[in-house]
Amino acid sequence: VQLQASGGGLVQAGGSLRLSCAASASRFSVLAMAWYRQAPGRERESVATISAGGRINYADSVKERFAISRDNAKNMVHLRMNDLKPEDTAVYYCKAKWGSVTWWGQGTQVTVSS
């Protein structure tokens, strides 16, 4: 599985961005998908996950502001980010998982200015 993330950029605090991740997978619908992020000097952390069945979980820090969704017909997963804060600045990574196997995308930079 290859993952290509896009949609990052520079935005002012309070603004919005939509990240997208395109997956090359013959059976995308069976994959659990997730967005992670890693800020400088910090460990990579889970932001949002969506299971094959559509169950969604968010990190407490992004609840009510971020929304993850998937389009199985287009092999894509999205992350809508609203009310962005400077602490959301990080490289955002797309992850796919099937059983014990995981795949990572290359990351897209999100920078939020105050």
PDB file of N, CA and C in Angstrom:
ATOM      1  N   VAL A   1       0.844  -1.181   0.000  1.00  0.00           N
ATOM      2  CA  VAL A   1       0.000   0.000   0.000  1.00  0.00           C
ATOM      3  C   VAL A   1       0.887   1.240   0.000  1.00  0.00           C
ATOM      4  N   GLN A   2       0.613   2.149  -0.915  1.00  0.00           N
ATOM      5  CA  GLN A   2       1.312   3.429  -0.927  1.00  0.00           C
ATOM      6  C   GLN A   2       0.327   4.527  -0.567  1.00  0.00           C
ATOM      7  N   LEU A   3       0.802   5.456   0.252  1.00  0.00           N
ATOM      8  CA  LEU A   3      -0.052   6.533   0.742  1.00  0.00           C
ATOM      9  C   LEU A   3       0.554   7.867   0.355  1.00  0.00           C
ATOM     10  N   GLN A   4      -0.255   8.742  -0.183  1.00  0.00           N
ATOM     11  CA  GLN A   4       0.196  10.060  -0.606  1.00  0.00           C
ATOM     12  C   GLN A   4      -0.653  11.117   0.081  1.00  0.00           C
ATOM     13  N   ALA A   5      -0.044  11.826   1.013  1.00  0.00           N
ATOM     14  CA  ALA A   5      -0.758  12.865   1.744  1.00  0.00           C
ATOM     15  C   ALA A   5      -0.571  14.215   1.070  1.00  0.00           C
ATOM     16  N   SER A   6      -1.589  15.039   1.166  1.00  0.00           N
ATOM     17  CA  SER A   6      -1.528  16.380   0.583  1.00  0.00           C
ATOM     18  C   SER A   6      -2.457  17.301   1.351  1.00  0.00           C
ATOM     19  N   GLY A   7      -2.332  18.599   1.072  1.00  0.00           N
ATOM     20  CA  GLY A   7      -3.243  19.567   1.653  1.00  0.00           C
ATOM     21  C   GLY A   7      -2.676  20.422   2.765  1.00  0.00           C
ATOM     22  N   GLY A   8      -1.443  20.141   3.183  1.00  0.00           N
ATOM     23  CA  GLY A   8      -0.844  20.949   4.230  1.00  0.00           C
ATOM     24  C   GLY A   8      -0.511  22.346   3.730  1.00  0.00           C
ATOM     25  N   GLY A   9      -0.110  23.198   4.654  1.00  0.00           N
ATOM     26  CA  GLY A   9       0.246  24.553   4.282  1.00  0.00           C
ATOM     27  C   GLY A   9       0.362  25.448   5.483  1.00  0.00           C
ATOM     28  N   LEU A  10       0.448  26.729   5.206  1.00  0.00           N
ATOM     29  CA  LEU A  10       0.554  27.755   6.243  1.00  0.00           C
ATOM     30  C   LEU A  10      -0.800  28.437   6.388  1.00  0.00           C
ATOM     31  N   VAL A  11      -1.284  28.518   7.621  1.00  0.00           N
ATOM     32  CA  VAL A  11      -2.589  29.118   7.868  1.00  0.00           C
ATOM     33  C   VAL A  11      -2.524  29.901   9.180  1.00  0.00           C
ATOM     34  N   GLN A  12      -3.318  30.926   9.277  1.00  0.00           N
ATOM     35  CA  GLN A  12      -3.376  31.697  10.511  1.00  0.00           C
ATOM     36  C   GLN A  12      -4.233  30.979  11.553  1.00  0.00           C
ATOM     37  N   ALA A  13      -3.970  31.254  12.788  1.00  0.00           N
ATOM     38  CA  ALA A  13      -4.774  30.687  13.870  1.00  0.00           C
ATOM     39  C   ALA A  13      -6.248  30.998  13.632  1.00  0.00           C
ATOM     40  N   GLY A  14      -7.079  29.985  13.867  1.00  0.00           N
ATOM     41  CA  GLY A  14      -8.504  30.117  13.608  1.00  0.00           C
ATOM     42  C   GLY A  14      -8.921  29.673  12.222  1.00  0.00           C
ATOM     43  N   GLY A  15      -7.945  29.453  11.368  1.00  0.00           N
ATOM     44  CA  GLY A  15      -8.245  29.041  10.010  1.00  0.00           C
ATOM     45  C   GLY A  15      -8.497  27.557   9.882  1.00  0.00           C
ATOM     46  N   SER A  16      -8.681  27.128   8.641  1.00  0.00           N
ATOM     47  CA  SER A  16      -9.015  25.731   8.353  1.00  0.00           C
ATOM     48  C   SER A  16      -8.143  25.185   7.245  1.00  0.00           C
ATOM     49  N   LEU A  17      -7.952  23.881   7.285  1.00  0.00           N
ATOM     50  CA  LEU A  17      -7.277  23.146   6.216  1.00  0.00           C
ATOM     51  C   LEU A  17      -7.946  21.797   6.068  1.00  0.00           C
ATOM     52  N   ARG A  18      -7.820  21.232   4.879  1.00  0.00           N
ATOM     53  CA  ARG A  18      -8.320  19.886   4.638  1.00  0.00           C
ATOM     54  C   ARG A  18      -7.177  19.044   4.089  1.00  0.00           C
ATOM     55  N   LEU A  19      -6.796  18.048   4.844  1.00  0.00           N
ATOM     56  CA  LEU A  19      -5.767  17.124   4.395  1.00  0.00           C
ATOM     57  C   LEU A  19      -6.423  15.952   3.676  1.00  0.00           C
ATOM     58  N   SER A  20      -5.729  15.451   2.688  1.00  0.00           N
ATOM     59  CA  SER A  20      -6.209  14.290   1.962  1.00  0.00           C
ATOM     60  C   SER A  20      -5.099  13.251   1.866  1.00  0.00           C
ATOM     61  N   CYS A  21      -5.493  12.008   1.845  1.00  0.00           N
ATOM     62  CA  CYS A  21      -4.535  10.904   1.705  1.00  0.00           C
ATOM     63  C   CYS A  21      -5.095   9.941   0.667  1.00  0.00           C
ATOM     64  N   ALA A  22      -4.348   9.778  -0.401  1.00  0.00           N
ATOM     65  CA  ALA A  22      -4.733   8.848  -1.452  1.00  0.00           C
ATOM     66  C   ALA A  22      -3.979   7.538  -1.262  1.00  0.00           C
ATOM     67  N   ALA A  23      -4.705   6.440  -1.296  1.00  0.00           N
ATOM     68  CA  ALA A  23      -4.099   5.130  -1.067  1.00  0.00           C
ATOM     69  C   ALA A  23      -4.160   4.284  -2.327  1.00  0.00           C
ATOM     70  N   SER A  24      -3.048   3.652  -2.611  1.00  0.00           N
ATOM     71  CA  SER A  24      -3.026   2.684  -3.704  1.00  0.00           C
ATOM     72  C   SER A  24      -3.218   1.318  -3.082  1.00  0.00           C
ATOM     73  N   ALA A  25      -4.433   0.860  -3.050  1.00  0.00           N
ATOM     74  CA  ALA A  25      -4.742  -0.419  -2.409  1.00  0.00           C
ATOM     75  C   ALA A  25      -5.916  -1.045  -3.136  1.00  0.00           C
ATOM     76  N   SER A  26      -5.796  -2.324  -3.371  1.00  0.00           N
ATOM     77  CA  SER A  26      -6.873  -3.002  -4.105  1.00  0.00           C
ATOM     78  C   SER A  26      -8.103  -3.199  -3.231  1.00  0.00           C
ATOM     79  N   ARG A  27      -7.887  -3.222  -1.934  1.00  0.00           N
ATOM     80  CA  ARG A  27      -9.010  -3.414  -1.011  1.00  0.00           C
ATOM     81  C   ARG A  27      -8.966  -2.357   0.077  1.00  0.00           C
ATOM     82  N   PHE A  28      -9.067  -1.118  -0.339  1.00  0.00           N
ATOM     83  CA  PHE A  28      -8.966   0.005   0.591  1.00  0.00           C
ATOM     84  C   PHE A  28     -10.012  -0.081   1.694  1.00  0.00           C
ATOM     85  N   SER A  29     -11.167  -0.604   1.380  1.00  0.00           N
ATOM     86  CA  SER A  29     -12.270  -0.580   2.341  1.00  0.00           C
ATOM     87  C   SER A  29     -11.997  -1.428   3.573  1.00  0.00           C
ATOM     88  N   VAL A  30     -11.050  -2.342   3.500  1.00  0.00           N
ATOM     89  CA  VAL A  30     -10.782  -3.191   4.665  1.00  0.00           C
ATOM     90  C   VAL A  30      -9.710  -2.592   5.571  1.00  0.00           C
ATOM     91  N   LEU A  31      -9.110  -1.506   5.140  1.00  0.00           N
ATOM     92  CA  LEU A  31      -8.032  -0.897   5.907  1.00  0.00           C
ATOM     93  C   LEU A  31      -8.566   0.032   6.980  1.00  0.00           C
ATOM     94  N   ALA A  32      -7.947  -0.018   8.136  1.00  0.00           N
ATOM     95  CA  ALA A  32      -8.158   1.024   9.137  1.00  0.00           C
ATOM     96  C   ALA A  32      -7.229   2.175   8.779  1.00  0.00           C
ATOM     97  N   MET A  33      -7.743   3.382   8.831  1.00  0.00           N
ATOM     98  CA  MET A  33      -6.960   4.557   8.424  1.00  0.00           C
ATOM     99  C   MET A  33      -6.826   5.515   9.597  1.00  0.00           C
ATOM    100  N   ALA A  34      -5.770   6.278   9.559  1.00  0.00           N
ATOM    101  CA  ALA A  34      -5.550   7.214  10.664  1.00  0.00           C
ATOM    102  C   ALA A  34      -4.689   8.372  10.199  1.00  0.00           C
ATOM    103  N   TRP A  35      -4.804   9.456  10.927  1.00  0.00           N
ATOM    104  CA  TRP A  35      -3.903  10.604  10.790  1.00  0.00           C
ATOM    105  C   TRP A  35      -3.112  10.729  12.089  1.00  0.00           C
ATOM    106  N   TYR A  36      -1.808  10.887  11.930  1.00  0.00           N
ATOM    107  CA  TYR A  36      -0.911  11.143  13.043  1.00  0.00           C
ATOM    108  C   TYR A  36      -0.214  12.473  12.774  1.00  0.00           C
ATOM    109  N   ARG A  37       0.412  12.998  13.798  1.00  0.00           N
ATOM    110  CA  ARG A  37       1.215  14.200  13.600  1.00  0.00           C
ATOM    111  C   ARG A  37       2.445  14.160  14.502  1.00  0.00           C
ATOM    112  N   GLN A  38       3.459  14.862  14.057  1.00  0.00           N
ATOM    113  CA  GLN A  38       4.689  14.940  14.837  1.00  0.00           C
ATOM    114  C   GLN A  38       5.219  16.356  14.781  1.00  0.00           C
ATOM    115  N   ALA A  39       5.260  16.975  15.937  1.00  0.00           N
ATOM    116  CA  ALA A  39       5.808  18.321  16.058  1.00  0.00           C
ATOM    117  C   ALA A  39       7.294  18.221  16.367  1.00  0.00           C
ATOM    118  N   PRO A  40       8.064  19.252  16.071  1.00  0.00           N
ATOM    119  CA  PRO A  40       9.512  19.219  16.352  1.00  0.00           C
ATOM    120  C   PRO A  40       9.794  18.912  17.817  1.00  0.00           C
ATOM    121  N   GLY A  41      10.660  17.933  18.040  1.00  0.00           N
ATOM    122  CA  GLY A  41      11.045  17.582  19.399  1.00  0.00           C
ATOM    123  C   GLY A  41      10.035  16.753  20.155  1.00  0.00           C
ATOM    124  N   ARG A  42       8.973  16.353  19.466  1.00  0.00           N
ATOM    125  CA  ARG A  42       7.940  15.575  20.144  1.00  0.00           C
ATOM    126  C   ARG A  42       7.735  14.246  19.435  1.00  0.00           C
ATOM    127  N   GLU A  43       7.124  13.317  20.141  1.00  0.00           N
ATOM    128  CA  GLU A  43       6.834  12.025  19.547  1.00  0.00           C
ATOM    129  C   GLU A  43       5.622  12.121  18.616  1.00  0.00           C
ATOM    130  N   ARG A  44       5.585  11.203  17.690  1.00  0.00           N
ATOM    131  CA  ARG A  44       4.432  11.138  16.795  1.00  0.00           C
ATOM    132  C   ARG A  44       3.205  10.717  17.605  1.00  0.00           C
ATOM    133  N   GLU A  45       2.085  11.393  17.352  1.00  0.00           N
ATOM    134  CA  GLU A  45       0.871  11.102  18.117  1.00  0.00           C
ATOM    135  C   GLU A  45      -0.317  10.906  17.194  1.00  0.00           C
ATOM    136  N   SER A  46      -1.234  10.103  17.654  1.00  0.00           N
ATOM    137  CA  SER A  46      -2.454   9.861  16.895  1.00  0.00           C
ATOM    138  C   SER A  46      -3.370  11.073  16.997  1.00  0.00           C
ATOM    139  N   VAL A  47      -3.922  11.472  15.879  1.00  0.00           N
ATOM    140  CA  VAL A  47      -4.859  12.592  15.827  1.00  0.00           C
ATOM    141  C   VAL A  47      -6.283  12.090  15.656  1.00  0.00           C
ATOM    142  N   ALA A  48      -6.489  11.215  14.686  1.00  0.00           N
ATOM    143  CA  ALA A  48      -7.827  10.707  14.393  1.00  0.00           C
ATOM    144  C   ALA A  48      -7.703   9.367  13.692  1.00  0.00           C
ATOM    145  N   THR A  49      -8.630   8.485  14.012  1.00  0.00           N
ATOM    146  CA  THR A  49      -8.644   7.173  13.374  1.00  0.00           C
ATOM    147  C   THR A  49     -10.048   6.862  12.877  1.00  0.00           C
ATOM    148  N   ILE A  50     -10.101   6.079  11.818  1.00  0.00           N
ATOM    149  CA  ILE A  50     -11.387   5.608  11.300  1.00  0.00           C
ATOM    150  C   ILE A  50     -11.211   4.163  10.878  1.00  0.00           C
ATOM    151  N   SER A  51     -12.015   3.301  11.439  1.00  0.00           N
ATOM    152  CA  SER A  51     -11.890   1.881  11.151  1.00  0.00           C
ATOM    153  C   SER A  51     -12.517   1.541   9.807  1.00  0.00           C
ATOM    154  N   ALA A  52     -12.332   0.300   9.390  1.00  0.00           N
ATOM    155  CA  ALA A  52     -12.960  -0.153   8.151  1.00  0.00           C
ATOM    156  C   ALA A  52     -14.475  -0.039   8.241  1.00  0.00           C
ATOM    157  N   GLY A  53     -14.983  -0.215   9.425  1.00  0.00           N
ATOM    158  CA  GLY A  53     -16.428  -0.127   9.628  1.00  0.00           C
ATOM    159  C   GLY A  53     -16.937   1.269   9.890  1.00  0.00           C
ATOM    160  N   GLY A  54     -16.024   2.240   9.930  1.00  0.00           N
ATOM    161  CA  GLY A  54     -16.437   3.631  10.096  1.00  0.00           C
ATOM    162  C   GLY A  54     -16.399   4.166  11.515  1.00  0.00           C
ATOM    163  N   ARG A  55     -15.906   3.357  12.445  1.00  0.00           N
ATOM    164  CA  ARG A  55     -15.804   3.856  13.825  1.00  0.00           C
ATOM    165  C   ARG A  55     -14.678   4.880  13.900  1.00  0.00           C
ATOM    166  N   ILE A  56     -14.948   5.978  14.576  1.00  0.00           N
ATOM    167  CA  ILE A  56     -14.030   7.117  14.606  1.00  0.00           C
ATOM    168  C   ILE A  56     -13.595   7.437  16.029  1.00  0.00           C
ATOM    169  N   ASN A  57     -12.321   7.782  16.167  1.00  0.00           N
ATOM    170  CA  ASN A  57     -11.799   8.256  17.438  1.00  0.00           C
ATOM    171  C   ASN A  57     -10.901   9.461  17.193  1.00  0.00           C
ATOM    172  N   TYR A  58     -10.918  10.367  18.144  1.00  0.00           N
ATOM    173  CA  TYR A  58     -10.091  11.568  18.060  1.00  0.00           C
ATOM    174  C   TYR A  58      -9.256  11.727  19.314  1.00  0.00           C
ATOM    175  N   ALA A  59      -8.103  12.350  19.147  1.00  0.00           N
ATOM    176  CA  ALA A  59      -7.342  12.790  20.306  1.00  0.00           C
ATOM    177  C   ALA A  59      -8.137  13.894  20.998  1.00  0.00           C
ATOM    178  N   ASP A  60      -8.027  13.950  22.301  1.00  0.00           N
ATOM    179  CA  ASP A  60      -8.780  14.951  23.063  1.00  0.00           C
ATOM    180  C   ASP A  60      -8.472  16.376  22.587  1.00  0.00           C
ATOM    181  N   SER A  61      -7.242  16.588  22.162  1.00  0.00           N
ATOM    182  CA  SER A  61      -6.809  17.934  21.783  1.00  0.00           C
ATOM    183  C   SER A  61      -7.462  18.441  20.503  1.00  0.00           C
ATOM    184  N   VAL A  62      -8.065  17.539  19.720  1.00  0.00           N
ATOM    185  CA  VAL A  62      -8.645  17.970  18.443  1.00  0.00           C
ATOM    186  C   VAL A  62     -10.144  17.728  18.350  1.00  0.00           C
ATOM    187  N   LYS A  63     -10.707  17.130  19.387  1.00  0.00           N
ATOM    188  CA  LYS A  63     -12.159  16.877  19.373  1.00  0.00           C
ATOM    189  C   LYS A  63     -12.913  18.188  19.176  1.00  0.00           C
ATOM    190  N   GLU A  64     -13.978  18.125  18.449  1.00  0.00           N
ATOM    191  CA  GLU A  64     -14.845  19.272  18.138  1.00  0.00           C
ATOM    192  C   GLU A  64     -14.223  20.211  17.101  1.00  0.00           C
ATOM    193  N   ARG A  65     -12.962  19.987  16.724  1.00  0.00           N
ATOM    194  CA  ARG A  65     -12.327  20.852  15.725  1.00  0.00           C
ATOM    195  C   ARG A  65     -11.954  20.101  14.449  1.00  0.00           C
ATOM    196  N   PHE A  66     -11.583  18.845  14.569  1.00  0.00           N
ATOM    197  CA  PHE A  66     -11.144  18.054  13.422  1.00  0.00           C
ATOM    198  C   PHE A  66     -12.203  17.007  13.081  1.00  0.00           C
ATOM    199  N   ALA A  67     -12.260  16.638  11.813  1.00  0.00           N
ATOM    200  CA  ALA A  67     -13.174  15.592  11.383  1.00  0.00           C
ATOM    201  C   ALA A  67     -12.487  14.702  10.359  1.00  0.00           C
ATOM    202  N   ILE A  68     -12.458  13.418  10.629  1.00  0.00           N
ATOM    203  CA  ILE A  68     -11.881  12.451   9.699  1.00  0.00           C
ATOM    204  C   ILE A  68     -13.007  11.797   8.920  1.00  0.00           C
ATOM    205  N   SER A  69     -12.746  11.526   7.659  1.00  0.00           N
ATOM    206  CA  SER A  69     -13.733  10.840   6.832  1.00  0.00           C
ATOM    207  C   SER A  69     -12.997   9.994   5.802  1.00  0.00           C
ATOM    208  N   ARG A  70     -13.709   9.046   5.236  1.00  0.00           N
ATOM    209  CA  ARG A  70     -13.114   8.200   4.217  1.00  0.00           C
ATOM    210  C   ARG A  70     -14.068   8.056   3.045  1.00  0.00           C
ATOM    211  N   ASP A  71     -13.485   7.913   1.874  1.00  0.00           N
ATOM    212  CA  ASP A  71     -14.242   7.686   0.643  1.00  0.00           C
ATOM    213  C   ASP A  71     -13.712   6.406   0.037  1.00  0.00           C
ATOM    214  N   ASN A  72     -14.378   5.320   0.294  1.00  0.00           N
ATOM    215  CA  ASN A  72     -13.897   4.022  -0.173  1.00  0.00           C
ATOM    216  C   ASN A  72     -13.942   3.904  -1.696  1.00  0.00           C
ATOM    217  N   ALA A  73     -14.830   4.628  -2.324  1.00  0.00           N
ATOM    218  CA  ALA A  73     -14.925   4.574  -3.780  1.00  0.00           C
ATOM    219  C   ALA A  73     -13.708   5.207  -4.445  1.00  0.00           C
ATOM    220  N   LYS A  74     -13.092   6.176  -3.741  1.00  0.00           N
ATOM    221  CA  LYS A  74     -11.935   6.876  -4.307  1.00  0.00           C
ATOM    222  C   LYS A  74     -10.632   6.522  -3.596  1.00  0.00           C
ATOM    223  N   ASN A  75     -10.685   5.575  -2.665  1.00  0.00           N
ATOM    224  CA  ASN A  75      -9.485   5.175  -1.912  1.00  0.00           C
ATOM    225  C   ASN A  75      -8.827   6.373  -1.221  1.00  0.00           C
ATOM    226  N   MET A  76      -9.642   7.149  -0.548  1.00  0.00           N
ATOM    227  CA  MET A  76      -9.094   8.344   0.079  1.00  0.00           C
ATOM    228  C   MET A  76      -9.616   8.501   1.507  1.00  0.00           C
ATOM    229  N   VAL A  77      -8.804   9.148   2.311  1.00  0.00           N
ATOM    230  CA  VAL A  77      -9.211   9.547   3.645  1.00  0.00           C
ATOM    231  C   VAL A  77      -8.862  11.023   3.799  1.00  0.00           C
ATOM    232  N   HIS A  78      -9.735  11.738   4.483  1.00  0.00           N
ATOM    233  CA  HIS A  78      -9.564  13.175   4.634  1.00  0.00           C
ATOM    234  C   HIS A  78      -9.544  13.557   6.103  1.00  0.00           C
ATOM    235  N   LEU A  79      -8.931  14.697   6.369  1.00  0.00           N
ATOM    236  CA  LEU A  79      -8.963  15.263   7.709  1.00  0.00           C
ATOM    237  C   LEU A  79      -9.296  16.738   7.569  1.00  0.00           C
ATOM    238  N   ARG A  80     -10.486  17.078   7.980  1.00  0.00           N
ATOM    239  CA  ARG A  80     -10.888  18.473   7.983  1.00  0.00           C
ATOM    240  C   ARG A  80     -10.485  19.073   9.324  1.00  0.00           C
ATOM    241  N   MET A  81      -9.729  20.155   9.275  1.00  0.00           N
ATOM    242  CA  MET A  81      -9.216  20.784  10.489  1.00  0.00           C
ATOM    243  C   MET A  81      -9.735  22.210  10.566  1.00  0.00           C
ATOM    244  N   ASN A  82     -10.528  22.476  11.572  1.00  0.00           N
ATOM    245  CA  ASN A  82     -11.089  23.813  11.787  1.00  0.00           C
ATOM    246  C   ASN A  82     -10.508  24.435  13.050  1.00  0.00           C
ATOM    247  N   ASP A  83     -10.633  25.740  13.151  1.00  0.00           N
ATOM    248  CA  ASP A  83     -10.174  26.472  14.333  1.00  0.00           C
ATOM    249  C   ASP A  83      -8.744  26.061  14.706  1.00  0.00           C
ATOM    250  N   LEU A  84      -7.880  26.102  13.739  1.00  0.00           N
ATOM    251  CA  LEU A  84      -6.504  25.659  13.958  1.00  0.00           C
ATOM    252  C   LEU A  84      -5.777  26.561  14.947  1.00  0.00           C
ATOM    253  N   LYS A  85      -4.923  25.945  15.727  1.00  0.00           N
ATOM    254  CA  LYS A  85      -4.157  26.632  16.761  1.00  0.00           C
ATOM    255  C   LYS A  85      -2.670  26.451  16.478  1.00  0.00           C
ATOM    256  N   PRO A  86      -1.837  27.357  16.987  1.00  0.00           N
ATOM    257  CA  PRO A  86      -0.392  27.198  16.770  1.00  0.00           C
ATOM    258  C   PRO A  86       0.127  25.834  17.241  1.00  0.00           C
ATOM    259  N   GLU A  87      -0.469  25.293  18.266  1.00  0.00           N
ATOM    260  CA  GLU A  87      -0.013  23.980  18.760  1.00  0.00           C
ATOM    261  C   GLU A  87      -0.395  22.830  17.833  1.00  0.00           C
ATOM    262  N   ASP A  88      -1.171  23.101  16.812  1.00  0.00           N
ATOM    263  CA  ASP A  88      -1.464  22.078  15.800  1.00  0.00           C
ATOM    264  C   ASP A  88      -0.341  21.982  14.754  1.00  0.00           C
ATOM    265  N   THR A  89       0.614  22.889  14.825  1.00  0.00           N
ATOM    266  CA  THR A  89       1.729  22.867  13.887  1.00  0.00           C
ATOM    267  C   THR A  89       2.511  21.564  14.007  1.00  0.00           C
ATOM    268  N   ALA A  90       2.646  20.871  12.893  1.00  0.00           N
ATOM    269  CA  ALA A  90       3.312  19.566  12.890  1.00  0.00           C
ATOM    270  C   ALA A  90       3.362  19.036  11.469  1.00  0.00           C
ATOM    271  N   VAL A  91       4.100  17.968  11.297  1.00  0.00           N
ATOM    272  CA  VAL A  91       4.000  17.193  10.065  1.00  0.00           C
ATOM    273  C   VAL A  91       2.912  16.148  10.295  1.00  0.00           C
ATOM    274  N   TYR A  92       1.956  16.111   9.392  1.00  0.00           N
ATOM    275  CA  TYR A  92       0.831  15.199   9.511  1.00  0.00           C
ATOM    276  C   TYR A  92       1.046  13.999   8.578  1.00  0.00           C
ATOM    277  N   TYR A  93       0.855  12.826   9.146  1.00  0.00           N
ATOM    278  CA  TYR A  93       1.082  11.582   8.423  1.00  0.00           C
ATOM    279  C   TYR A  93      -0.212  10.779   8.321  1.00  0.00           C
ATOM    280  N   CYS A  94      -0.371  10.161   7.196  1.00  0.00           N
ATOM    281  CA  CYS A  94      -1.472   9.235   6.975  1.00  0.00           C
ATOM    282  C   CYS A  94      -0.963   7.819   7.251  1.00  0.00           C
ATOM    283  N   LYS A  95      -1.773   7.018   7.908  1.00  0.00           N
ATOM    284  CA  LYS A  95      -1.397   5.645   8.208  1.00  0.00           C
ATOM    285  C   LYS A  95      -2.522   4.706   7.825  1.00  0.00           C
ATOM    286  N   ALA A  96      -2.144   3.575   7.245  1.00  0.00           N
ATOM    287  CA  ALA A  96      -3.094   2.508   6.941  1.00  0.00           C
ATOM    288  C   ALA A  96      -2.696   1.273   7.733  1.00  0.00           C
ATOM    289  N   LYS A  97      -3.686   0.522   8.136  1.00  0.00           N
ATOM    290  CA  LYS A  97      -3.397  -0.676   8.922  1.00  0.00           C
ATOM    291  C   LYS A  97      -4.339  -1.800   8.529  1.00  0.00           C
ATOM    292  N   TRP A  98      -3.756  -2.981   8.407  1.00  0.00           N
ATOM    293  CA  TRP A  98      -4.557  -4.177   8.173  1.00  0.00           C
ATOM    294  C   TRP A  98      -3.974  -5.290   9.006  1.00  0.00           C
ATOM    295  N   GLY A  99      -4.688  -5.726  10.007  1.00  0.00           N
ATOM    296  CA  GLY A  99      -4.144  -6.693  10.942  1.00  0.00           C
ATOM    297  C   GLY A  99      -2.945  -6.098  11.663  1.00  0.00           C
ATOM    298  N   SER A 100      -1.816  -6.761  11.592  1.00  0.00           N
ATOM    299  CA  SER A 100      -0.607  -6.303  12.262  1.00  0.00           C
ATOM    300  C   SER A 100       0.315  -5.512  11.334  1.00  0.00           C
ATOM    301  N   VAL A 101      -0.123  -5.274  10.127  1.00  0.00           N
ATOM    302  CA  VAL A 101       0.712  -4.589   9.134  1.00  0.00           C
ATOM    303  C   VAL A 101       0.279  -3.133   9.017  1.00  0.00           C
ATOM    304  N   THR A 102       1.251  -2.233   9.020  1.00  0.00           N
ATOM    305  CA  THR A 102       0.953  -0.813   8.878  1.00  0.00           C
ATOM    306  C   THR A 102       1.778  -0.213   7.751  1.00  0.00           C
ATOM    307  N   TRP A 103       1.236   0.827   7.143  1.00  0.00           N
ATOM    308  CA  TRP A 103       1.911   1.578   6.110  1.00  0.00           C
ATOM    309  C   TRP A 103       1.801   3.067   6.444  1.00  0.00           C
ATOM    310  N   TRP A 104       2.830   3.820   6.132  1.00  0.00           N
ATOM    311  CA  TRP A 104       2.850   5.253   6.408  1.00  0.00           C
ATOM    312  C   TRP A 104       3.046   6.039   5.116  1.00  0.00           C
ATOM    313  N   GLY A 105       2.407   7.172   5.061  1.00  0.00           N
ATOM    314  CA  GLY A 105       2.647   8.121   3.983  1.00  0.00           C
ATOM    315  C   GLY A 105       3.841   8.995   4.313  1.00  0.00           C
ATOM    316  N   GLN A 106       4.145   9.917   3.425  1.00  0.00           N
ATOM    317  CA  GLN A 106       5.355  10.702   3.557  1.00  0.00           C
ATOM    318  C   GLN A 106       5.196  11.942   4.434  1.00  0.00           C
ATOM    319  N   GLY A 107       4.003  12.310   4.781  1.00  0.00           N
ATOM    320  CA  GLY A 107       3.772  13.460   5.638  1.00  0.00           C
ATOM    321  C   GLY A 107       3.549  14.743   4.874  1.00  0.00           C
ATOM    322  N   THR A 108       2.753  15.610   5.468  1.00  0.00           N
ATOM    323  CA  THR A 108       2.514  16.932   4.901  1.00  0.00           C
ATOM    324  C   THR A 108       2.582  17.954   6.036  1.00  0.00           C
ATOM    325  N   GLN A 109       3.286  19.046   5.788  1.00  0.00           N
ATOM    326  CA  GLN A 109       3.531  20.036   6.833  1.00  0.00           C
ATOM    327  C   GLN A 109       2.326  20.953   7.014  1.00  0.00           C
ATOM    328  N   VAL A 110       1.927  21.114   8.263  1.00  0.00           N
ATOM    329  CA  VAL A 110       0.899  22.092   8.630  1.00  0.00           C
ATOM    330  C   VAL A 110       1.531  23.086   9.594  1.00  0.00           C
ATOM    331  N   THR A 111       1.476  24.346   9.240  1.00  0.00           N
ATOM    332  CA  THR A 111       2.028  25.391  10.081  1.00  0.00           C
ATOM    333  C   THR A 111       0.936  26.410  10.381  1.00  0.00           C
ATOM    334  N   VAL A 112       0.707  26.642  11.662  1.00  0.00           N
ATOM    335  CA  VAL A 112      -0.328  27.581  12.088  1.00  0.00           C
ATOM    336  C   VAL A 112       0.353  28.761  12.769  1.00  0.00           C
ATOM    337  N   SER A 113       0.170  29.923  12.200  1.00  0.00           N
ATOM    338  CA  SER A 113       0.785  31.128  12.760  1.00  0.00           C
ATOM    339  C   SER A 113      -0.176  31.818  13.714  1.00  0.00           C
ATOM    340  N   SER A 114       0.404  32.424  14.742  1.00  0.00           N
ATOM    341  CA  SER A 114      -0.442  33.097  15.749  1.00  0.00           C
ATOM    342  C   SER A 114      -0.718  34.535  15.376  1.00  0.00           C
TER     343      SER A 114
END
